[in-house]
Amino acid sequence: MPQLDIVTFFKQYIWTLIVLFFLLTLLLTVILPLIKRGSKIRLIFFPSKIETMGANAPLIRKFAQL
């Protein structure tokens, strides 16, 4: 069975690690900063929405200061 071949398994394992590392890097350098910037802009234009969130308001204010 080719799925259990050591050479094939090792290549698949290495490619999986490379792809996952690339996706993690993309997530940390591009996607998360875009989400953070979008939420900061939203809080600037709609500051009254913070007060309607109740118990999460202090956490949201702290996040906006980062």
N, C-alpha and C. Protein backbone atom coordinates (compact mmCIF):
# COMPACT_ATOMS: atom_id res chain seq x y z
N MET A 1 0.84 -1.19 0.00
CA MET A 1 0.00 0.00 0.00
C MET A 1 0.89 1.25 0.00
N PRO A 2 0.67 2.14 -0.94
CA PRO A 2 1.54 3.33 -1.02
C PRO A 2 1.31 4.32 0.12
N GLN A 3 0.18 4.27 0.79
CA GLN A 3 -0.07 5.20 1.88
C GLN A 3 0.86 4.94 3.06
N LEU A 4 1.30 3.70 3.21
CA LEU A 4 2.14 3.34 4.33
C LEU A 4 3.62 3.33 3.99
N ASP A 5 3.96 3.72 2.78
CA ASP A 5 5.36 3.78 2.38
C ASP A 5 6.04 4.92 3.14
N ILE A 6 7.21 4.65 3.69
CA ILE A 6 7.91 5.62 4.53
C ILE A 6 8.24 6.89 3.74
N VAL A 7 8.73 6.75 2.53
CA VAL A 7 9.13 7.91 1.73
C VAL A 7 7.92 8.77 1.40
N THR A 8 6.83 8.17 0.98
CA THR A 8 5.62 8.91 0.64
C THR A 8 5.03 9.59 1.88
N PHE A 9 5.01 8.87 2.98
CA PHE A 9 4.47 9.44 4.21
C PHE A 9 5.29 10.64 4.66
N PHE A 10 6.61 10.54 4.58
CA PHE A 10 7.49 11.62 5.00
C PHE A 10 7.27 12.86 4.12
N LYS A 11 7.12 12.67 2.82
CA LYS A 11 6.89 13.81 1.92
C LYS A 11 5.55 14.48 2.23
N GLN A 12 4.53 13.69 2.46
CA GLN A 12 3.23 14.26 2.80
C GLN A 12 3.29 15.01 4.12
N TYR A 13 4.01 14.48 5.06
CA TYR A 13 4.16 15.12 6.37
C TYR A 13 4.88 16.46 6.23
N ILE A 14 5.95 16.49 5.48
CA ILE A 14 6.70 17.73 5.27
C ILE A 14 5.84 18.77 4.56
N TRP A 15 5.12 18.37 3.51
CA TRP A 15 4.26 19.31 2.79
C TRP A 15 3.14 19.84 3.69
N THR A 16 2.61 18.98 4.54
CA THR A 16 1.58 19.42 5.48
C THR A 16 2.13 20.46 6.44
N LEU A 17 3.32 20.23 6.96
CA LEU A 17 3.94 21.20 7.86
C LEU A 17 4.22 22.53 7.16
N ILE A 18 4.69 22.46 5.92
CA ILE A 18 4.97 23.69 5.16
C ILE A 18 3.69 24.48 4.93
N VAL A 19 2.64 23.82 4.51
CA VAL A 19 1.37 24.50 4.24
C VAL A 19 0.78 25.08 5.52
N LEU A 20 0.81 24.33 6.61
CA LEU A 20 0.28 24.85 7.88
C LEU A 20 1.09 26.03 8.39
N PHE A 21 2.41 25.99 8.23
CA PHE A 21 3.25 27.12 8.63
C PHE A 21 2.92 28.35 7.79
N PHE A 22 2.74 28.16 6.49
CA PHE A 22 2.38 29.26 5.61
C PHE A 22 1.03 29.86 5.99
N LEU A 23 0.05 29.02 6.28
CA LEU A 23 -1.28 29.51 6.67
C LEU A 23 -1.23 30.25 8.01
N LEU A 24 -0.46 29.75 8.96
CA LEU A 24 -0.32 30.43 10.24
C LEU A 24 0.35 31.78 10.07
N THR A 25 1.39 31.84 9.25
CA THR A 25 2.06 33.11 8.98
C THR A 25 1.12 34.10 8.31
N LEU A 26 0.35 33.64 7.36
CA LEU A 26 -0.63 34.49 6.68
C LEU A 26 -1.67 35.01 7.67
N LEU A 27 -2.14 34.15 8.53
CA LEU A 27 -3.13 34.54 9.53
C LEU A 27 -2.58 35.60 10.47
N LEU A 28 -1.36 35.41 10.96
CA LEU A 28 -0.80 36.32 11.94
C LEU A 28 -0.33 37.64 11.35
N THR A 29 0.09 37.65 10.09
CA THR A 29 0.63 38.88 9.52
C THR A 29 -0.36 39.68 8.69
N VAL A 30 -1.40 39.03 8.18
CA VAL A 30 -2.33 39.74 7.29
C VAL A 30 -3.75 39.79 7.86
N ILE A 31 -4.30 38.64 8.16
CA ILE A 31 -5.72 38.57 8.48
C ILE A 31 -6.05 39.17 9.84
N LEU A 32 -5.30 38.79 10.89
CA LEU A 32 -5.60 39.33 12.22
C LEU A 32 -5.39 40.84 12.33
N PRO A 33 -4.32 41.42 11.74
CA PRO A 33 -4.23 42.88 11.76
C PRO A 33 -5.38 43.58 11.04
N LEU A 34 -5.88 42.98 9.96
CA LEU A 34 -7.02 43.58 9.26
C LEU A 34 -8.27 43.56 10.13
N ILE A 35 -8.48 42.47 10.84
CA ILE A 35 -9.64 42.38 11.73
C ILE A 35 -9.51 43.40 12.86
N LYS A 36 -8.32 43.54 13.42
CA LYS A 36 -8.10 44.49 14.51
C LYS A 36 -8.33 45.93 14.02
N ARG A 37 -7.79 46.25 12.84
CA ARG A 37 -7.95 47.60 12.31
C ARG A 37 -9.42 47.90 12.02
N GLY A 38 -10.13 46.92 11.47
CA GLY A 38 -11.55 47.12 11.19
C GLY A 38 -12.36 47.34 12.44
N SER A 39 -12.04 46.60 13.50
CA SER A 39 -12.79 46.78 14.74
C SER A 39 -12.46 48.12 15.39
N LYS A 40 -11.20 48.59 15.27
CA LYS A 40 -10.86 49.90 15.81
C LYS A 40 -11.60 51.01 15.07
N ILE A 41 -11.66 50.90 13.75
CA ILE A 41 -12.39 51.90 12.96
C ILE A 41 -13.86 51.90 13.33
N ARG A 42 -14.42 50.71 13.51
CA ARG A 42 -15.83 50.60 13.88
C ARG A 42 -16.08 51.25 15.24
N LEU A 43 -15.15 51.07 16.18
CA LEU A 43 -15.32 51.68 17.50
C LEU A 43 -15.17 53.20 17.46
N ILE A 44 -14.38 53.71 16.52
CA ILE A 44 -14.24 55.16 16.38
C ILE A 44 -15.54 55.77 15.86
N PHE A 45 -16.14 55.13 14.87
CA PHE A 45 -17.35 55.68 14.27
C PHE A 45 -18.62 55.38 15.08
N PHE A 46 -18.61 54.33 15.88
CA PHE A 46 -19.78 53.96 16.67
C PHE A 46 -19.40 53.74 18.14
N PRO A 47 -18.94 54.78 18.85
CA PRO A 47 -18.53 54.58 20.24
C PRO A 47 -19.69 54.25 21.17
N SER A 48 -20.90 54.61 20.80
CA SER A 48 -22.04 54.32 21.67
C SER A 48 -22.35 52.83 21.71
N LYS A 49 -21.88 52.08 20.73
CA LYS A 49 -22.13 50.64 20.72
C LYS A 49 -21.40 49.94 21.87
N ILE A 50 -20.31 50.54 22.35
CA ILE A 50 -19.57 49.92 23.46
C ILE A 50 -20.44 49.85 24.70
N GLU A 51 -21.16 50.91 24.98
CA GLU A 51 -21.98 50.95 26.19
C GLU A 51 -23.14 49.96 26.14
N THR A 52 -23.61 49.64 24.95
CA THR A 52 -24.74 48.71 24.85
C THR A 52 -24.30 47.26 24.99
N MET A 53 -23.00 47.01 25.06
CA MET A 53 -22.51 45.64 25.16
C MET A 53 -22.46 45.15 26.60
N GLY A 54 -22.75 45.99 27.54
CA GLY A 54 -22.88 45.57 28.94
C GLY A 54 -21.58 45.15 29.57
N ALA A 55 -21.51 43.90 30.02
CA ALA A 55 -20.37 43.41 30.79
C ALA A 55 -19.09 43.37 29.97
N ASN A 56 -19.17 43.31 28.67
CA ASN A 56 -17.98 43.23 27.83
C ASN A 56 -17.38 44.60 27.53
N ALA A 57 -17.98 45.68 27.97
CA ALA A 57 -17.51 47.02 27.64
C ALA A 57 -16.07 47.27 28.09
N PRO A 58 -15.66 46.93 29.33
CA PRO A 58 -14.26 47.16 29.71
C PRO A 58 -13.28 46.37 28.85
N LEU A 59 -13.64 45.16 28.51
CA LEU A 59 -12.77 44.34 27.67
C LEU A 59 -12.64 44.95 26.27
N ILE A 60 -13.71 45.47 25.74
CA ILE A 60 -13.68 46.08 24.41
C ILE A 60 -12.86 47.36 24.43
N ARG A 61 -12.98 48.16 25.49
CA ARG A 61 -12.17 49.38 25.60
C ARG A 61 -10.69 49.03 25.66
N LYS A 62 -10.35 48.00 26.42
CA LYS A 62 -8.95 47.59 26.53
C LYS A 62 -8.43 47.10 25.17
N PHE A 63 -9.25 46.38 24.44
CA PHE A 63 -8.87 45.90 23.11
C PHE A 63 -8.65 47.07 22.15
N ALA A 64 -9.46 48.10 22.28
CA ALA A 64 -9.35 49.26 21.38
C ALA A 64 -8.08 50.05 21.65
N GLN A 65 -7.55 49.97 22.86
CA GLN A 65 -6.33 50.71 23.20
C GLN A 65 -5.07 50.02 22.70
N LEU A 66 -5.13 48.76 22.33
CA LEU A 66 -3.94 48.03 21.89
C LEU A 66 -3.36 48.59 20.62
